[in-house]
C-alpha atoms as a PDB file:
ATOM      1  CA  UNK A   1     -18.738  -8.067   7.759  1.00  0.00           C
ATOM      2  CA  UNK A   2     -20.518  -4.779   8.423  1.00  0.00           C
ATOM      3  CA  UNK A   3     -20.089  -3.400   4.902  1.00  0.00           C
ATOM      4  CA  UNK A   4     -21.118   0.157   5.761  1.00  0.00           C
ATOM      5  CA  UNK A   5     -18.607   0.277   8.621  1.00  0.00           C
ATOM      6  CA  UNK A   6     -15.932  -1.204   6.363  1.00  0.00           C
ATOM      7  CA  UNK A   7     -16.614   1.567   3.825  1.00  0.00           C
ATOM      8  CA  UNK A   8     -16.538   4.187   6.591  1.00  0.00           C
ATOM      9  CA  UNK A   9     -13.075   2.922   7.608  1.00  0.00           C
ATOM     10  CA  UNK A  10     -11.665   3.642   4.125  1.00  0.00           C
ATOM     11  CA  UNK A  11      -9.494   6.755   4.308  1.00  0.00           C
ATOM     12  CA  UNK A  12     -10.610   7.807   0.828  1.00  0.00           C
ATOM     13  CA  UNK A  13     -14.186   8.170   2.046  1.00  0.00           C
ATOM     14  CA  UNK A  14     -13.469   9.911   5.362  1.00  0.00           C
ATOM     15  CA  UNK A  15     -15.880  12.769   5.974  1.00  0.00           C
ATOM     16  CA  UNK A  16     -18.727  11.343   3.905  1.00  0.00           C
ATOM     17  CA  UNK A  17     -22.190  11.232   5.465  1.00  0.00           C
ATOM     18  CA  UNK A  18     -24.333   8.172   6.220  1.00  0.00           C
ATOM     19  CA  UNK A  19     -26.250   8.477   2.931  1.00  0.00           C
ATOM     20  CA  UNK A  20     -23.071   8.446   0.813  1.00  0.00           C
ATOM     21  CA  UNK A  21     -21.536   5.607   2.838  1.00  0.00           C
ATOM     22  CA  UNK A  22     -24.677   3.514   2.408  1.00  0.00           C
ATOM     23  CA  UNK A  23     -24.649   4.152  -1.346  1.00  0.00           C
ATOM     24  CA  UNK A  24     -21.009   3.049  -1.570  1.00  0.00           C
ATOM     25  CA  UNK A  25     -21.696  -0.057   0.517  1.00  0.00           C
ATOM     26  CA  UNK A  26     -24.552  -0.960  -1.809  1.00  0.00           C
ATOM     27  CA  UNK A  27     -22.213  -1.226  -4.824  1.00  0.00           C
ATOM     28  CA  UNK A  28     -19.312  -2.907  -2.969  1.00  0.00           C
ATOM     29  CA  UNK A  29     -18.682  -6.643  -3.173  1.00  0.00           C
ATOM     30  CA  UNK A  30     -17.041  -8.421  -0.228  1.00  0.00           C
ATOM     31  CA  UNK A  31     -14.194 -10.724  -1.248  1.00  0.00           C
ATOM     32  CA  UNK A  32     -11.828 -12.835   0.856  1.00  0.00           C
ATOM     33  CA  UNK A  33      -8.298 -13.770  -0.180  1.00  0.00           C
ATOM     34  CA  UNK A  34      -5.903 -16.157   1.539  1.00  0.00           C
ATOM     35  CA  UNK A  35      -2.233 -15.417   2.135  1.00  0.00           C
ATOM     36  CA  UNK A  36      -0.321 -15.786  -1.124  1.00  0.00           C
ATOM     37  CA  UNK A  37      -3.477 -15.720  -3.259  1.00  0.00           C
ATOM     38  CA  UNK A  38      -3.353 -13.589  -6.407  1.00  0.00           C
ATOM     39  CA  UNK A  39      -5.974 -10.850  -6.644  1.00  0.00           C
ATOM     40  CA  UNK A  40      -5.222  -9.807 -10.219  1.00  0.00           C
ATOM     41  CA  UNK A  41      -2.370  -9.880 -12.705  1.00  0.00           C
ATOM     42  CA  UNK A  42      -0.833  -7.207 -14.877  1.00  0.00           C
ATOM     43  CA  UNK A  43      -2.812  -7.161 -18.121  1.00  0.00           C
ATOM     44  CA  UNK A  44      -6.096  -8.384 -16.601  1.00  0.00           C
ATOM     45  CA  UNK A  45      -9.137  -6.247 -17.507  1.00  0.00           C
ATOM     46  CA  UNK A  46      -9.454  -3.401 -14.990  1.00  0.00           C
ATOM     47  CA  UNK A  47     -13.041  -4.016 -13.958  1.00  0.00           C
ATOM     48  CA  UNK A  48     -12.905  -2.066 -10.693  1.00  0.00           C
ATOM     49  CA  UNK A  49     -10.830  -1.129  -7.665  1.00  0.00           C
ATOM     50  CA  UNK A  50     -10.289  -2.573  -4.205  1.00  0.00           C
ATOM     51  CA  UNK A  51     -10.017  -1.556  -0.581  1.00  0.00           C
ATOM     52  CA  UNK A  52      -8.397  -3.596   2.188  1.00  0.00           C
ATOM     53  CA  UNK A  53     -10.776  -4.268   5.084  1.00  0.00           C
ATOM     54  CA  UNK A  54      -8.326  -6.591   6.866  1.00  0.00           C
ATOM     55  CA  UNK A  55      -4.934  -8.024   5.952  1.00  0.00           C
ATOM     56  CA  UNK A  56      -2.291  -6.647   3.586  1.00  0.00           C
ATOM     57  CA  UNK A  57      -1.714  -6.681  -0.162  1.00  0.00           C
ATOM     58  CA  UNK A  58       1.406  -6.097  -2.205  1.00  0.00           C
ATOM     59  CA  UNK A  59       1.430  -4.490  -5.649  1.00  0.00           C
ATOM     60  CA  UNK A  60       4.385  -5.659  -7.707  1.00  0.00           C
ATOM     61  CA  UNK A  61       5.851  -6.012 -11.164  1.00  0.00           C
ATOM     62  CA  UNK A  62       7.957  -8.836 -12.592  1.00  0.00           C
ATOM     63  CA  UNK A  63      10.774  -8.136 -15.036  1.00  0.00           C
ATOM     64  CA  UNK A  64      11.454 -10.216 -18.143  1.00  0.00           C
ATOM     65  CA  UNK A  65      14.287 -11.840 -16.169  1.00  0.00           C
ATOM     66  CA  UNK A  66      11.794 -12.927 -13.496  1.00  0.00           C
ATOM     67  CA  UNK A  67      12.879 -10.424 -10.831  1.00  0.00           C
ATOM     68  CA  UNK A  68      10.062  -9.001  -8.729  1.00  0.00           C
ATOM     69  CA  UNK A  69       9.866  -5.365  -7.656  1.00  0.00           C
ATOM     70  CA  UNK A  70       7.331  -4.357  -5.019  1.00  0.00           C
ATOM     71  CA  UNK A  71       5.712  -1.050  -5.904  1.00  0.00           C
ATOM     72  CA  UNK A  72       3.634  -0.593  -2.765  1.00  0.00           C
ATOM     73  CA  UNK A  73       2.069  -2.406   0.201  1.00  0.00           C
ATOM     74  CA  UNK A  74      -1.447  -1.514   1.341  1.00  0.00           C
ATOM     75  CA  UNK A  75      -3.158  -2.265   4.661  1.00  0.00           C
ATOM     76  CA  UNK A  76      -6.613  -1.818   6.207  1.00  0.00           C
ATOM     77  CA  UNK A  77      -8.485   1.288   5.101  1.00  0.00           C
ATOM     78  CA  UNK A  78      -6.370   1.809   1.994  1.00  0.00           C
ATOM     79  CA  UNK A  79      -7.462   1.697  -1.645  1.00  0.00           C
ATOM     80  CA  UNK A  80      -5.603   0.210  -4.600  1.00  0.00           C
ATOM     81  CA  UNK A  81      -6.126  -0.142  -8.368  1.00  0.00           C
ATOM     82  CA  UNK A  82      -8.248   3.017  -8.263  1.00  0.00           C
ATOM     83  CA  UNK A  83      -6.885   4.146 -11.635  1.00  0.00           C
ATOM     84  CA  UNK A  84      -9.290   1.598 -13.126  1.00  0.00           C
ATOM     85  CA  UNK A  85     -12.175   3.917 -12.229  1.00  0.00           C
ATOM     86  CA  UNK A  86     -11.015   6.543 -14.701  1.00  0.00           C
ATOM     87  CA  UNK A  87      -8.821   4.797 -17.237  1.00  0.00           C
ATOM     88  CA  UNK A  88     -10.341   1.344 -17.535  1.00  0.00           C
ATOM     89  CA  UNK A  89      -8.157  -0.763 -19.797  1.00  0.00           C
ATOM     90  CA  UNK A  90      -6.030  -3.291 -17.907  1.00  0.00           C
ATOM     91  CA  UNK A  91      -4.328  -3.443 -14.530  1.00  0.00           C
ATOM     92  CA  UNK A  92      -0.725  -2.201 -14.925  1.00  0.00           C
ATOM     93  CA  UNK A  93       0.712  -4.408 -12.141  1.00  0.00           C
ATOM     94  CA  UNK A  94       0.068  -7.557 -10.101  1.00  0.00           C
ATOM     95  CA  UNK A  95      -1.662  -7.742  -6.716  1.00  0.00           C
ATOM     96  CA  UNK A  96      -1.187 -10.525  -4.158  1.00  0.00           C
ATOM     97  CA  UNK A  97      -2.506 -10.952  -0.618  1.00  0.00           C
ATOM     98  CA  UNK A  98       0.242 -10.990   2.031  1.00  0.00           C
ATOM     99  CA  UNK A  99      -2.138 -12.171   4.764  1.00  0.00           C
ATOM    100  CA  UNK A 100      -5.555 -13.775   5.008  1.00  0.00           C
ATOM    101  CA  UNK A 101      -7.985 -10.900   4.742  1.00  0.00           C
ATOM    102  CA  UNK A 102     -11.235  -9.340   3.573  1.00  0.00           C
ATOM    103  CA  UNK A 103     -11.495  -6.849   0.736  1.00  0.00           C
ATOM    104  CA  UNK A 104     -14.144  -4.636  -0.783  1.00  0.00           C
ATOM    105  CA  UNK A 105     -14.350  -4.600  -4.565  1.00  0.00           C
ATOM    106  CA  UNK A 106     -16.001  -1.625  -6.279  1.00  0.00           C
ATOM    107  CA  UNK A 107     -17.079  -2.451  -9.868  1.00  0.00           C
ATOM    108  CA  UNK A 108     -16.017   0.288 -12.258  1.00  0.00           C
ATOM    109  CA  UNK A 109     -19.304   1.046 -13.997  1.00  0.00           C
ATOM    110  CA  UNK A 110     -21.406   1.092 -10.838  1.00  0.00           C
ATOM    111  CA  UNK A 111     -18.894   3.337  -9.086  1.00  0.00           C
ATOM    112  CA  UNK A 112     -18.666   5.712 -12.051  1.00  0.00           C
ATOM    113  CA  UNK A 113     -22.437   6.176 -11.849  1.00  0.00           C
ATOM    114  CA  UNK A 114     -22.047   7.185  -8.190  1.00  0.00           C
ATOM    115  CA  UNK A 115     -19.370   9.724  -9.187  1.00  0.00           C
ATOM    116  CA  UNK A 116     -21.688  11.204 -11.793  1.00  0.00           C
ATOM    117  CA  UNK A 117     -24.356  11.653  -9.121  1.00  0.00           C
ATOM    118  CA  UNK A 118     -21.953  13.039  -6.469  1.00  0.00           C
ATOM    119  CA  UNK A 119     -19.307  15.550  -7.696  1.00  0.00           C
ATOM    120  CA  UNK A 120     -17.781  15.835  -4.197  1.00  0.00           C
ATOM    121  CA  UNK A 121     -16.928  12.138  -4.300  1.00  0.00           C
ATOM    122  CA  UNK A 122     -15.334  12.627  -7.716  1.00  0.00           C
ATOM    123  CA  UNK A 123     -13.122  15.419  -6.332  1.00  0.00           C
ATOM    124  CA  UNK A 124     -12.113  13.150  -3.439  1.00  0.00           C
ATOM    125  CA  UNK A 125     -10.995  10.494  -5.928  1.00  0.00           C
ATOM    126  CA  UNK A 126      -8.941  13.059  -7.851  1.00  0.00           C
ATOM    127  CA  UNK A 127      -7.278  14.092  -4.595  1.00  0.00           C
ATOM    128  CA  UNK A 128      -6.308  10.486  -3.871  1.00  0.00           C
ATOM    129  CA  UNK A 129      -4.820  10.083  -7.340  1.00  0.00           C
ATOM    130  CA  UNK A 130      -2.753  13.232  -6.825  1.00  0.00           C
ATOM    131  CA  UNK A 131      -1.400  11.909  -3.526  1.00  0.00           C
ATOM    132  CA  UNK A 132      -0.580   8.535  -5.111  1.00  0.00           C
ATOM    133  CA  UNK A 133       1.281  10.271  -7.934  1.00  0.00           C
ATOM    134  CA  UNK A 134       3.398  12.200  -5.429  1.00  0.00           C
ATOM    135  CA  UNK A 135       4.196   8.938  -3.618  1.00  0.00           C
ATOM    136  CA  UNK A 136       5.378   7.317  -6.848  1.00  0.00           C
ATOM    137  CA  UNK A 137       7.516  10.344  -7.725  1.00  0.00           C
ATOM    138  CA  UNK A 138       9.105  10.222  -4.243  1.00  0.00           C
ATOM    139  CA  UNK A 139       9.831   6.528  -4.612  1.00  0.00           C
ATOM    140  CA  UNK A 140      11.448   7.053  -8.013  1.00  0.00           C
ATOM    141  CA  UNK A 141      13.635   9.745  -6.446  1.00  0.00           C
ATOM    142  CA  UNK A 142      14.566   7.399  -3.605  1.00  0.00           C
ATOM    143  CA  UNK A 143      15.526   4.588  -5.961  1.00  0.00           C
ATOM    144  CA  UNK A 144      17.484   6.771  -8.359  1.00  0.00           C
ATOM    145  CA  UNK A 145      19.137   9.323  -6.050  1.00  0.00           C
ATOM    146  CA  UNK A 146      19.602   7.595  -2.688  1.00  0.00           C
ATOM    147  CA  UNK A 147      21.794   4.703  -1.605  1.00  0.00           C
ATOM    148  CA  UNK A 148      20.298   1.701   0.194  1.00  0.00           C
ATOM    149  CA  UNK A 149      21.001   2.983   3.764  1.00  0.00           C
ATOM    150  CA  UNK A 150      19.109   6.205   3.017  1.00  0.00           C
ATOM    151  CA  UNK A 151      16.207   4.284   1.482  1.00  0.00           C
ATOM    152  CA  UNK A 152      15.978   2.012   4.529  1.00  0.00           C
ATOM    153  CA  UNK A 153      16.258   4.915   6.987  1.00  0.00           C
ATOM    154  CA  UNK A 154      13.489   6.776   5.170  1.00  0.00           C
ATOM    155  CA  UNK A 155      11.263   3.675   5.208  1.00  0.00           C
ATOM    156  CA  UNK A 156      11.791   3.046   8.940  1.00  0.00           C
ATOM    157  CA  UNK A 157      11.048   6.670   9.794  1.00  0.00           C
ATOM    158  CA  UNK A 158       7.867   6.514   7.705  1.00  0.00           C
ATOM    159  CA  UNK A 159       6.733   3.357   9.515  1.00  0.00           C
ATOM    160  CA  UNK A 160       7.450   5.054  12.831  1.00  0.00           C
ATOM    161  CA  UNK A 161       5.476   8.130  11.853  1.00  0.00           C
ATOM    162  CA  UNK A 162       2.514   6.026  10.765  1.00  0.00           C
ATOM    163  CA  UNK A 163       2.439   3.863  13.907  1.00  0.00           C
ATOM    164  CA  UNK A 164       3.577   6.627  16.313  1.00  0.00           C
ATOM    165  CA  UNK A 165       5.481   3.945  18.283  1.00  0.00           C
ATOM    166  CA  UNK A 166       9.172   3.419  18.952  1.00  0.00           C
ATOM    167  CA  UNK A 167       8.915  -0.366  18.505  1.00  0.00           C
ATOM    168  CA  UNK A 168       7.295  -1.423  15.258  1.00  0.00           C
ATOM    169  CA  UNK A 169       7.073  -4.630  13.233  1.00  0.00           C
ATOM    170  CA  UNK A 170       8.565  -4.569   9.759  1.00  0.00           C
ATOM    171  CA  UNK A 171       5.631  -4.334   7.375  1.00  0.00           C
ATOM    172  CA  UNK A 172       7.192  -6.882   4.991  1.00  0.00           C
ATOM    173  CA  UNK A 173       9.354 -10.010   5.301  1.00  0.00           C
ATOM    174  CA  UNK A 174      12.994  -9.070   4.777  1.00  0.00           C
ATOM    175  CA  UNK A 175      13.157 -10.591   1.287  1.00  0.00           C
ATOM    176  CA  UNK A 176      10.150  -8.589   0.130  1.00  0.00           C
ATOM    177  CA  UNK A 177      11.339  -5.458   1.934  1.00  0.00           C
ATOM    178  CA  UNK A 178      14.614  -5.719   0.016  1.00  0.00           C
ATOM    179  CA  UNK A 179      12.678  -5.908  -3.256  1.00  0.00           C
ATOM    180  CA  UNK A 180      10.570  -2.909  -2.235  1.00  0.00           C
ATOM    181  CA  UNK A 181      13.706  -0.882  -1.505  1.00  0.00           C
ATOM    182  CA  UNK A 182      15.326  -1.909  -4.785  1.00  0.00           C
ATOM    183  CA  UNK A 183      18.105  -4.049  -3.319  1.00  0.00           C
ATOM    184  CA  UNK A 184      18.880  -7.684  -2.409  1.00  0.00           C
ATOM    185  CA  UNK A 185      18.329  -9.424   0.973  1.00  0.00           C
ATOM    186  CA  UNK A 186      22.056  -9.715   1.707  1.00  0.00           C
ATOM    187  CA  UNK A 187      22.575  -5.973   1.306  1.00  0.00           C
ATOM    188  CA  UNK A 188      19.519  -5.188   3.422  1.00  0.00           C
ATOM    189  CA  UNK A 189      20.800  -7.461   6.208  1.00  0.00           C
ATOM    190  CA  UNK A 190      24.196  -5.741   6.165  1.00  0.00           C
ATOM    191  CA  UNK A 191      22.611  -2.290   6.408  1.00  0.00           C
ATOM    192  CA  UNK A 192      20.342  -3.406   9.264  1.00  0.00           C
ATOM    193  CA  UNK A 193      23.379  -4.760  11.150  1.00  0.00           C
ATOM    194  CA  UNK A 194      25.202  -1.485  10.533  1.00  0.00           C
ATOM    195  CA  UNK A 195      22.268   0.501  11.926  1.00  0.00           C
ATOM    196  CA  UNK A 196      22.261  -1.756  15.019  1.00  0.00           C
ATOM    197  CA  UNK A 197      26.037  -1.413  15.484  1.00  0.00           C
ATOM    198  CA  UNK A 198      25.789   2.383  15.214  1.00  0.00           C
ATOM    199  CA  UNK A 199      23.036   2.523  17.842  1.00  0.00           C
ATOM    200  CA  UNK A 200      20.386   3.834  15.468  1.00  0.00           C
ATOM    201  CA  UNK A 201      17.979   0.919  15.961  1.00  0.00           C
ATOM    202  CA  UNK A 202      17.613  -2.318  17.877  1.00  0.00           C
ATOM    203  CA  UNK A 203      16.355  -5.411  16.082  1.00  0.00           C
ATOM    204  CA  UNK A 204      14.506  -8.330  17.669  1.00  0.00           C
ATOM    205  CA  UNK A 205      13.222 -10.792  15.100  1.00  0.00           C
ATOM    206  CA  UNK A 206      11.051  -8.721  12.775  1.00  0.00           C
ATOM    207  CA  UNK A 207      10.515  -5.926  15.325  1.00  0.00           C
ATOM    208  CA  UNK A 208      12.549  -2.726  15.058  1.00  0.00           C
ATOM    209  CA  UNK A 209      12.974  -0.113  17.770  1.00  0.00           C
ATOM    210  CA  UNK A 210      14.134   3.308  16.605  1.00  0.00           C
ATOM    211  CA  UNK A 211      16.705   4.413  19.170  1.00  0.00           C
ATOM    212  CA  UNK A 212      17.922   7.635  17.545  1.00  0.00           C
ATOM    213  CA  UNK A 213      15.415   9.114  15.102  1.00  0.00           C
ATOM    214  CA  UNK A 214      17.418  12.307  14.589  1.00  0.00           C
ATOM    215  CA  UNK A 215      20.562  10.469  13.465  1.00  0.00           C
ATOM    216  CA  UNK A 216      18.483   8.085  11.382  1.00  0.00           C
ATOM    217  CA  UNK A 217      16.925  11.084   9.622  1.00  0.00           C
ATOM    218  CA  UNK A 218      20.294  12.684   8.953  1.00  0.00           C
END
């Protein structure tokens, strides 16, 4: 892997110059995880944060009853567990690879030294944390105030906006997508069929085509 290019592809570090990118690449460790492999568990020491170079990772929690809830899914160029940079302590959730992929790991102490030497990088990290907080607040609102059809419609529209395509693959298997949306697979399947019957989407395997974005939004 070209580590400097992999660092340059991280959205968090967009706009940084060659010198800063090289410094970040020098502290990064390349790690590879297979599909289904655990990256860390809730309660493990938070020794650093990660970025996805290729593949996907899910961040999830497990209730005392054994039910899993997916908090977020990250893909190439995205950062996760970045709270470890500032707070240390332990990881508050679990992380598991959804696909075979390569990751960059940034050890906490070495990265903190870079922040001390580069205040602009520190401000960039604070900006990311602010964005992540807004995302979590939005998700809490979705889960507490919206019914399942509205949650699914919002998720499909977000996927469409990110890919800028009418036909898009679901970013998660249906069972995991149901957990992410705070429902069960049977309910998710019923809502998907309803959307198809109403002409909002077409569904072929795991690929969804948004047929009527305006009605889906409403």
